[in-house]
Amino acid sequence: MGLYFPMFVDMSEKNVLFIGGGRIALRRIISMYEFAGSITVVSPEAEPEITKLANAGYITYLRKRFDETDLDGMDIVMINTGHQGTDIRIAGMCRRRHLTVNVASDMTLCDFYFPGIIKKDSIVIGVTASGEDHRKAAEITGKIKELLE
């Protein structure tokens, strides 16, 4: 596997769709919502904090099952269903539409890895272990956060 290039992208006008509303989705939404133009979550059930973010107007939460039309108008899709067959099927839909996709459960289906993010004022740092060692990336992310405090 090759190394991934760390590229910082202006997401202020990007529409991001999260499919699935579990703990992984919540962590990623919290990391991303201040960067993205809009975040929509589609899931029959979601973590209570996702509902709170929606009620506060930070994101849109559609309490329903995913339908391919949910991809309309999206730029980036974060698949977090926890069901391998569903993840593969939705990733295929995204590829046919040329959408940038990340599948939390399968790095081989990802166009990019979701990094550990550290933000302090205007400084933004992303940490990844190229999908190979999530614990090590999380450990380094924590150490960098401590340095910036």
N, C-alpha and C. Protein backbone atom coordinates (compact mmCIF):
# COMPACT_ATOMS: atom_id res chain seq x y z
N MET A 1 0.84 -1.17 0.00
CA MET A 1 0.00 0.00 0.00
C MET A 1 0.89 1.24 0.00
N GLY A 2 0.48 2.24 -0.80
CA GLY A 2 1.23 3.48 -0.85
C GLY A 2 0.83 4.42 0.27
N LEU A 3 1.63 5.43 0.44
CA LEU A 3 1.31 6.46 1.42
C LEU A 3 0.32 7.44 0.81
N TYR A 4 -0.51 8.02 1.63
CA TYR A 4 -1.49 9.00 1.17
C TYR A 4 -0.92 10.40 1.35
N PHE A 5 -1.14 11.26 0.37
CA PHE A 5 -0.68 12.63 0.41
C PHE A 5 -1.62 13.46 1.29
N PRO A 6 -1.08 14.20 2.26
CA PRO A 6 -1.94 15.03 3.13
C PRO A 6 -2.33 16.32 2.40
N MET A 7 -3.57 16.39 1.98
CA MET A 7 -4.04 17.53 1.20
C MET A 7 -5.14 18.24 1.98
N PHE A 8 -4.99 19.52 2.19
CA PHE A 8 -6.01 20.29 2.89
C PHE A 8 -6.92 20.92 1.86
N VAL A 9 -8.22 20.78 2.05
CA VAL A 9 -9.22 21.16 1.05
C VAL A 9 -10.19 22.17 1.65
N ASP A 10 -10.53 23.19 0.87
CA ASP A 10 -11.57 24.13 1.29
C ASP A 10 -12.91 23.41 1.15
N MET A 11 -13.54 23.13 2.27
CA MET A 11 -14.81 22.42 2.27
C MET A 11 -15.99 23.33 2.58
N SER A 12 -15.75 24.63 2.59
CA SER A 12 -16.78 25.58 3.02
C SER A 12 -18.02 25.58 2.13
N GLU A 13 -17.90 25.06 0.91
CA GLU A 13 -19.06 24.96 0.03
C GLU A 13 -19.36 23.52 -0.36
N LYS A 14 -18.80 22.58 0.37
CA LYS A 14 -19.01 21.16 0.09
C LYS A 14 -20.18 20.63 0.91
N ASN A 15 -20.98 19.79 0.26
CA ASN A 15 -22.09 19.10 0.92
C ASN A 15 -21.63 17.69 1.25
N VAL A 16 -21.67 17.37 2.52
CA VAL A 16 -21.18 16.08 3.00
C VAL A 16 -22.35 15.26 3.52
N LEU A 17 -22.42 14.02 3.07
CA LEU A 17 -23.46 13.09 3.49
C LEU A 17 -22.85 12.00 4.35
N PHE A 18 -23.41 11.81 5.54
CA PHE A 18 -23.05 10.69 6.41
C PHE A 18 -24.18 9.68 6.34
N ILE A 19 -23.85 8.46 5.98
CA ILE A 19 -24.83 7.39 5.94
C ILE A 19 -24.54 6.49 7.13
N GLY A 20 -25.42 6.54 8.11
CA GLY A 20 -25.21 5.85 9.38
C GLY A 20 -25.00 6.89 10.47
N GLY A 21 -25.55 6.63 11.64
CA GLY A 21 -25.50 7.61 12.71
C GLY A 21 -24.93 7.10 14.01
N GLY A 22 -23.97 6.19 13.93
CA GLY A 22 -23.37 5.63 15.14
C GLY A 22 -22.22 6.46 15.70
N ARG A 23 -21.44 5.83 16.60
CA ARG A 23 -20.36 6.53 17.29
C ARG A 23 -19.27 7.03 16.34
N ILE A 24 -18.91 6.21 15.35
CA ILE A 24 -17.88 6.65 14.40
C ILE A 24 -18.36 7.86 13.63
N ALA A 25 -19.58 7.81 13.15
CA ALA A 25 -20.15 8.96 12.43
C ALA A 25 -20.15 10.19 13.33
N LEU A 26 -20.56 10.05 14.56
CA LEU A 26 -20.60 11.19 15.47
C LEU A 26 -19.22 11.81 15.64
N ARG A 27 -18.20 10.99 15.89
CA ARG A 27 -16.84 11.52 16.05
C ARG A 27 -16.41 12.29 14.80
N ARG A 28 -16.71 11.75 13.65
CA ARG A 28 -16.30 12.40 12.41
C ARG A 28 -17.10 13.68 12.14
N ILE A 29 -18.36 13.66 12.46
CA ILE A 29 -19.19 14.86 12.30
C ILE A 29 -18.66 15.99 13.18
N ILE A 30 -18.34 15.67 14.42
CA ILE A 30 -17.82 16.68 15.35
C ILE A 30 -16.51 17.26 14.81
N SER A 31 -15.67 16.42 14.23
CA SER A 31 -14.42 16.90 13.65
C SER A 31 -14.63 17.75 12.41
N MET A 32 -15.68 17.47 11.66
CA MET A 32 -15.85 18.07 10.34
C MET A 32 -16.83 19.24 10.27
N TYR A 33 -17.80 19.35 11.17
CA TYR A 33 -18.91 20.27 10.93
C TYR A 33 -18.51 21.73 10.79
N GLU A 34 -17.44 22.17 11.43
CA GLU A 34 -17.06 23.57 11.28
C GLU A 34 -16.30 23.84 9.98
N PHE A 35 -15.92 22.80 9.26
CA PHE A 35 -15.22 22.95 7.99
C PHE A 35 -16.16 22.86 6.79
N ALA A 36 -17.19 22.01 6.87
CA ALA A 36 -18.05 21.71 5.73
C ALA A 36 -19.12 22.77 5.53
N GLY A 37 -19.52 22.94 4.26
CA GLY A 37 -20.63 23.84 3.97
C GLY A 37 -21.91 23.33 4.59
N SER A 38 -22.17 22.03 4.42
CA SER A 38 -23.33 21.41 5.06
C SER A 38 -23.05 19.94 5.31
N ILE A 39 -23.66 19.44 6.36
CA ILE A 39 -23.57 18.02 6.69
C ILE A 39 -24.99 17.50 6.84
N THR A 40 -25.27 16.40 6.15
CA THR A 40 -26.54 15.71 6.26
C THR A 40 -26.27 14.29 6.74
N VAL A 41 -27.04 13.82 7.69
CA VAL A 41 -26.95 12.45 8.18
C VAL A 41 -28.23 11.73 7.81
N VAL A 42 -28.08 10.55 7.20
CA VAL A 42 -29.22 9.71 6.88
C VAL A 42 -29.06 8.41 7.65
N SER A 43 -30.01 8.13 8.53
CA SER A 43 -29.93 6.92 9.33
C SER A 43 -31.27 6.73 10.05
N PRO A 44 -31.76 5.49 10.11
CA PRO A 44 -33.01 5.25 10.85
C PRO A 44 -32.87 5.57 12.34
N GLU A 45 -31.64 5.39 12.87
CA GLU A 45 -31.36 5.69 14.28
C GLU A 45 -30.01 6.39 14.34
N ALA A 46 -29.84 7.22 15.37
CA ALA A 46 -28.57 7.92 15.50
C ALA A 46 -28.25 8.16 16.97
N GLU A 47 -26.99 8.40 17.23
CA GLU A 47 -26.55 8.76 18.57
C GLU A 47 -27.32 10.01 19.01
N PRO A 48 -27.67 10.12 20.27
CA PRO A 48 -28.42 11.30 20.74
C PRO A 48 -27.73 12.62 20.43
N GLU A 49 -26.39 12.63 20.43
CA GLU A 49 -25.66 13.86 20.15
C GLU A 49 -25.87 14.32 18.70
N ILE A 50 -26.11 13.39 17.79
CA ILE A 50 -26.39 13.76 16.40
C ILE A 50 -27.73 14.50 16.34
N THR A 51 -28.71 14.00 17.05
CA THR A 51 -30.00 14.68 17.11
C THR A 51 -29.85 16.07 17.72
N LYS A 52 -29.02 16.18 18.76
CA LYS A 52 -28.79 17.49 19.38
C LYS A 52 -28.14 18.46 18.40
N LEU A 53 -27.15 18.00 17.63
CA LEU A 53 -26.51 18.86 16.63
C LEU A 53 -27.51 19.31 15.57
N ALA A 54 -28.41 18.40 15.19
CA ALA A 54 -29.44 18.76 14.20
C ALA A 54 -30.42 19.77 14.79
N ASN A 55 -30.86 19.54 16.01
CA ASN A 55 -31.79 20.47 16.67
C ASN A 55 -31.19 21.86 16.86
N ALA A 56 -29.86 21.92 17.01
CA ALA A 56 -29.17 23.19 17.18
C ALA A 56 -28.88 23.86 15.83
N GLY A 57 -29.17 23.16 14.72
CA GLY A 57 -28.99 23.75 13.40
C GLY A 57 -27.61 23.57 12.79
N TYR A 58 -26.75 22.77 13.41
CA TYR A 58 -25.40 22.56 12.87
C TYR A 58 -25.39 21.58 11.70
N ILE A 59 -26.28 20.61 11.73
CA ILE A 59 -26.37 19.59 10.68
C ILE A 59 -27.84 19.32 10.37
N THR A 60 -28.06 18.55 9.32
CA THR A 60 -29.40 18.06 9.00
C THR A 60 -29.43 16.56 9.27
N TYR A 61 -30.45 16.11 9.97
CA TYR A 61 -30.58 14.68 10.25
C TYR A 61 -31.90 14.20 9.66
N LEU A 62 -31.79 13.24 8.73
CA LEU A 62 -32.96 12.61 8.12
C LEU A 62 -33.11 11.23 8.73
N ARG A 63 -34.10 11.06 9.60
CA ARG A 63 -34.32 9.79 10.30
C ARG A 63 -35.05 8.84 9.35
N LYS A 64 -34.25 8.14 8.52
CA LYS A 64 -34.82 7.22 7.54
C LYS A 64 -33.73 6.32 7.01
N ARG A 65 -34.14 5.33 6.24
CA ARG A 65 -33.18 4.46 5.56
C ARG A 65 -32.63 5.18 4.35
N PHE A 66 -31.39 4.88 4.00
CA PHE A 66 -30.74 5.47 2.85
C PHE A 66 -31.45 5.10 1.56
N ASP A 67 -31.55 6.06 0.67
CA ASP A 67 -32.06 5.87 -0.68
C ASP A 67 -31.06 6.54 -1.62
N GLU A 68 -30.85 5.99 -2.80
CA GLU A 68 -29.84 6.53 -3.71
C GLU A 68 -30.06 8.01 -4.01
N THR A 69 -31.29 8.49 -3.97
CA THR A 69 -31.53 9.91 -4.22
C THR A 69 -30.91 10.80 -3.13
N ASP A 70 -30.56 10.21 -1.97
CA ASP A 70 -29.89 10.98 -0.92
C ASP A 70 -28.52 11.48 -1.38
N LEU A 71 -27.97 10.86 -2.43
CA LEU A 71 -26.67 11.27 -2.97
C LEU A 71 -26.77 12.53 -3.84
N ASP A 72 -27.97 12.88 -4.26
CA ASP A 72 -28.16 14.05 -5.12
C ASP A 72 -27.61 15.31 -4.45
N GLY A 73 -26.77 16.03 -5.14
CA GLY A 73 -26.23 17.29 -4.64
C GLY A 73 -25.09 17.16 -3.65
N MET A 74 -24.65 15.94 -3.38
CA MET A 74 -23.56 15.75 -2.41
C MET A 74 -22.20 15.76 -3.12
N ASP A 75 -21.19 16.15 -2.36
CA ASP A 75 -19.82 16.17 -2.88
C ASP A 75 -18.96 15.08 -2.26
N ILE A 76 -19.18 14.81 -0.99
CA ILE A 76 -18.40 13.83 -0.24
C ILE A 76 -19.37 12.95 0.53
N VAL A 77 -19.11 11.64 0.53
CA VAL A 77 -19.99 10.71 1.23
C VAL A 77 -19.16 9.90 2.22
N MET A 78 -19.63 9.89 3.46
CA MET A 78 -19.01 9.14 4.54
C MET A 78 -19.95 7.98 4.88
N ILE A 79 -19.52 6.76 4.59
CA ILE A 79 -20.37 5.59 4.81
C ILE A 79 -19.97 4.94 6.13
N ASN A 80 -20.94 4.86 7.03
CA ASN A 80 -20.70 4.37 8.39
C ASN A 80 -21.81 3.42 8.83
N THR A 81 -22.29 2.54 7.94
CA THR A 81 -23.45 1.71 8.28
C THR A 81 -23.11 0.55 9.19
N GLY A 82 -21.89 0.05 9.10
CA GLY A 82 -21.52 -1.12 9.88
C GLY A 82 -21.95 -2.43 9.25
N HIS A 83 -22.51 -2.37 8.03
CA HIS A 83 -22.94 -3.57 7.30
C HIS A 83 -22.15 -3.65 6.00
N GLN A 84 -21.27 -4.64 5.90
CA GLN A 84 -20.33 -4.72 4.78
C GLN A 84 -21.03 -4.69 3.42
N GLY A 85 -22.06 -5.48 3.23
CA GLY A 85 -22.75 -5.52 1.94
C GLY A 85 -23.36 -4.18 1.59
N THR A 86 -23.95 -3.52 2.57
CA THR A 86 -24.54 -2.20 2.36
C THR A 86 -23.46 -1.19 2.01
N ASP A 87 -22.34 -1.24 2.74
CA ASP A 87 -21.23 -0.32 2.49
C ASP A 87 -20.71 -0.47 1.06
N ILE A 88 -20.52 -1.70 0.62
CA ILE A 88 -20.02 -1.97 -0.74
C ILE A 88 -21.01 -1.46 -1.78
N ARG A 89 -22.29 -1.71 -1.57
CA ARG A 89 -23.33 -1.28 -2.52
C ARG A 89 -23.37 0.24 -2.64
N ILE A 90 -23.34 0.93 -1.50
CA ILE A 90 -23.41 2.39 -1.53
C ILE A 90 -22.12 2.98 -2.11
N ALA A 91 -20.97 2.40 -1.78
CA ALA A 91 -19.70 2.88 -2.35
C ALA A 91 -19.74 2.77 -3.87
N GLY A 92 -20.33 1.70 -4.40
CA GLY A 92 -20.47 1.55 -5.84
C GLY A 92 -21.34 2.65 -6.44
N MET A 93 -22.43 2.99 -5.77
CA MET A 93 -23.28 4.09 -6.24
C MET A 93 -22.50 5.40 -6.29
N CYS A 94 -21.69 5.62 -5.25
CA CYS A 94 -20.89 6.85 -5.19
C CYS A 94 -19.87 6.89 -6.32
N ARG A 95 -19.22 5.78 -6.58
CA ARG A 95 -18.22 5.71 -7.67
C ARG A 95 -18.86 6.02 -9.02
N ARG A 96 -20.04 5.46 -9.26
CA ARG A 96 -20.72 5.72 -10.54
C ARG A 96 -21.06 7.20 -10.70
N ARG A 97 -21.25 7.89 -9.59
CA ARG A 97 -21.57 9.33 -9.62
C ARG A 97 -20.33 10.20 -9.47
N HIS A 98 -19.17 9.58 -9.38
CA HIS A 98 -17.89 10.29 -9.23
C HIS A 98 -17.85 11.13 -7.95
N LEU A 99 -18.42 10.59 -6.88
CA LEU A 99 -18.41 11.25 -5.58
C LEU A 99 -17.20 10.75 -4.78
N THR A 100 -16.60 11.62 -4.02
CA THR A 100 -15.51 11.24 -3.12
C THR A 100 -16.12 10.50 -1.94
N VAL A 101 -15.56 9.33 -1.63
CA VAL A 101 -16.19 8.47 -0.64
C VAL A 101 -15.18 7.94 0.38
N ASN A 102 -15.66 7.78 1.62
CA ASN A 102 -14.91 7.14 2.68
C ASN A 102 -15.82 6.11 3.32
N VAL A 103 -15.32 4.89 3.45
CA VAL A 103 -16.08 3.81 4.08
C VAL A 103 -15.35 3.44 5.36
N ALA A 104 -15.95 3.74 6.49
CA ALA A 104 -15.29 3.56 7.79
C ALA A 104 -14.83 2.13 8.01
N SER A 105 -15.56 1.15 7.50
CA SER A 105 -15.25 -0.24 7.80
C SER A 105 -14.31 -0.92 6.80
N ASP A 106 -13.97 -0.24 5.69
CA ASP A 106 -13.18 -0.91 4.66
C ASP A 106 -12.30 0.09 3.93
N MET A 107 -11.03 0.13 4.30
CA MET A 107 -10.12 1.12 3.71
C MET A 107 -9.91 0.90 2.22
N THR A 108 -10.17 -0.31 1.72
CA THR A 108 -9.99 -0.54 0.28
C THR A 108 -11.07 0.17 -0.55
N LEU A 109 -12.15 0.59 0.08
CA LEU A 109 -13.23 1.29 -0.62
C LEU A 109 -13.12 2.81 -0.49
N CYS A 110 -12.06 3.29 0.17
CA CYS A 110 -11.92 4.72 0.46
C CYS A 110 -11.13 5.47 -0.60
N ASP A 111 -11.60 6.67 -0.92
CA ASP A 111 -10.82 7.60 -1.74
C ASP A 111 -9.85 8.38 -0.87
N PHE A 112 -10.13 8.46 0.41
CA PHE A 112 -9.27 9.17 1.35
C PHE A 112 -9.47 8.57 2.73
N TYR A 113 -8.49 8.79 3.58
CA TYR A 113 -8.60 8.37 4.97
C TYR A 113 -9.02 9.58 5.80
N PHE A 114 -9.81 9.33 6.80
CA PHE A 114 -10.23 10.40 7.70
C PHE A 114 -9.15 10.53 8.76
N PRO A 115 -8.47 11.67 8.83
CA PRO A 115 -7.35 11.80 9.76
C PRO A 115 -7.79 12.13 11.17
N GLY A 116 -6.87 11.94 12.09
CA GLY A 116 -7.03 12.54 13.41
C GLY A 116 -6.84 14.03 13.19
N ILE A 117 -7.71 14.86 13.75
CA ILE A 117 -7.65 16.30 13.49
C ILE A 117 -7.37 17.05 14.79
N ILE A 118 -6.40 17.94 14.68
CA ILE A 118 -6.08 18.82 15.79
C ILE A 118 -6.28 20.24 15.27
N LYS A 119 -7.06 21.06 16.00
CA LYS A 119 -7.32 22.44 15.59
C LYS A 119 -7.09 23.35 16.77
N LYS A 120 -6.26 24.34 16.55
CA LYS A 120 -5.99 25.37 17.57
C LYS A 120 -5.94 26.70 16.83
N ASP A 121 -6.94 27.53 17.06
CA ASP A 121 -7.07 28.80 16.35
C ASP A 121 -7.09 28.52 14.84
N SER A 122 -6.16 29.11 14.09
CA SER A 122 -6.15 28.89 12.64
C SER A 122 -5.24 27.74 12.23
N ILE A 123 -4.63 27.07 13.19
CA ILE A 123 -3.75 25.93 12.90
C ILE A 123 -4.61 24.67 12.84
N VAL A 124 -4.46 23.92 11.75
CA VAL A 124 -5.16 22.64 11.59
C VAL A 124 -4.11 21.60 11.22
N ILE A 125 -4.09 20.51 11.97
CA ILE A 125 -3.14 19.43 11.74
C ILE A 125 -3.92 18.14 11.55
N GLY A 126 -3.56 17.38 10.53
CA GLY A 126 -4.18 16.08 10.29
C GLY A 126 -3.15 14.98 10.46
N VAL A 127 -3.53 13.89 11.12
CA VAL A 127 -2.61 12.78 11.38
C VAL A 127 -3.23 11.49 10.86
N THR A 128 -2.46 10.74 10.08
CA THR A 128 -2.90 9.43 9.62
C THR A 128 -1.72 8.47 9.65
N ALA A 129 -2.02 7.21 9.77
CA ALA A 129 -1.03 6.15 9.67
C ALA A 129 -1.29 5.36 8.39
N SER A 130 -1.83 6.04 7.38
CA SER A 130 -2.14 5.44 6.09
C SER A 130 -3.04 4.20 6.21
N GLY A 131 -3.93 4.24 7.19
CA GLY A 131 -4.89 3.16 7.37
C GLY A 131 -4.33 1.91 8.02
N GLU A 132 -3.08 1.95 8.46
CA GLU A 132 -2.45 0.74 8.97
C GLU A 132 -2.45 0.61 10.49
N ASP A 133 -2.43 1.72 11.21
CA ASP A 133 -2.32 1.64 12.66
C ASP A 133 -3.13 2.78 13.30
N HIS A 134 -4.44 2.55 13.44
CA HIS A 134 -5.34 3.59 13.98
C HIS A 134 -4.95 4.00 15.39
N ARG A 135 -4.54 3.04 16.21
CA ARG A 135 -4.17 3.36 17.59
C ARG A 135 -2.95 4.29 17.64
N LYS A 136 -1.98 4.02 16.79
CA LYS A 136 -0.78 4.86 16.76
C LYS A 136 -1.14 6.27 16.30
N ALA A 137 -1.98 6.39 15.28
CA ALA A 137 -2.41 7.71 14.81
C ALA A 137 -3.15 8.45 15.92
N ALA A 138 -4.03 7.75 16.64
CA ALA A 138 -4.77 8.38 17.75
C ALA A 138 -3.82 8.82 18.86
N GLU A 139 -2.81 8.00 19.14
CA GLU A 139 -1.83 8.34 20.18
C GLU A 139 -1.05 9.60 19.78
N ILE A 140 -0.60 9.68 18.56
CA ILE A 140 0.15 10.85 18.08
C ILE A 140 -0.75 12.08 18.07
N THR A 141 -2.02 11.91 17.64
CA THR A 141 -2.97 13.02 17.65
C THR A 141 -3.11 13.58 19.05
N GLY A 142 -3.25 12.71 20.03
CA GLY A 142 -3.38 13.15 21.43
C GLY A 142 -2.14 13.89 21.92
N LYS A 143 -0.97 13.41 21.54
CA LYS A 143 0.26 14.08 21.96
C LYS A 143 0.38 15.48 21.34
N ILE A 144 0.00 15.61 20.09
CA ILE A 144 0.06 16.92 19.44
C ILE A 144 -0.94 17.87 20.09
N LYS A 145 -2.13 17.36 20.41
CA LYS A 145 -3.12 18.22 21.11
C LYS A 145 -2.55 18.73 22.42
N GLU A 146 -1.88 17.87 23.17
CA GLU A 146 -1.26 18.28 24.44
C GLU A 146 -0.23 19.37 24.21
N LEU A 147 0.57 19.24 23.17
CA LEU A 147 1.60 20.24 22.87
C LEU A 147 1.01 21.62 22.57
N LEU A 148 -0.15 21.64 21.97
CA LEU A 148 -0.77 22.90 21.57
C LEU A 148 -1.61 23.55 22.67
N GLU A 149 -1.86 22.85 23.75
CA GLU A 149 -2.67 23.40 24.85
C GLU A 149 -1.93 24.43 25.65
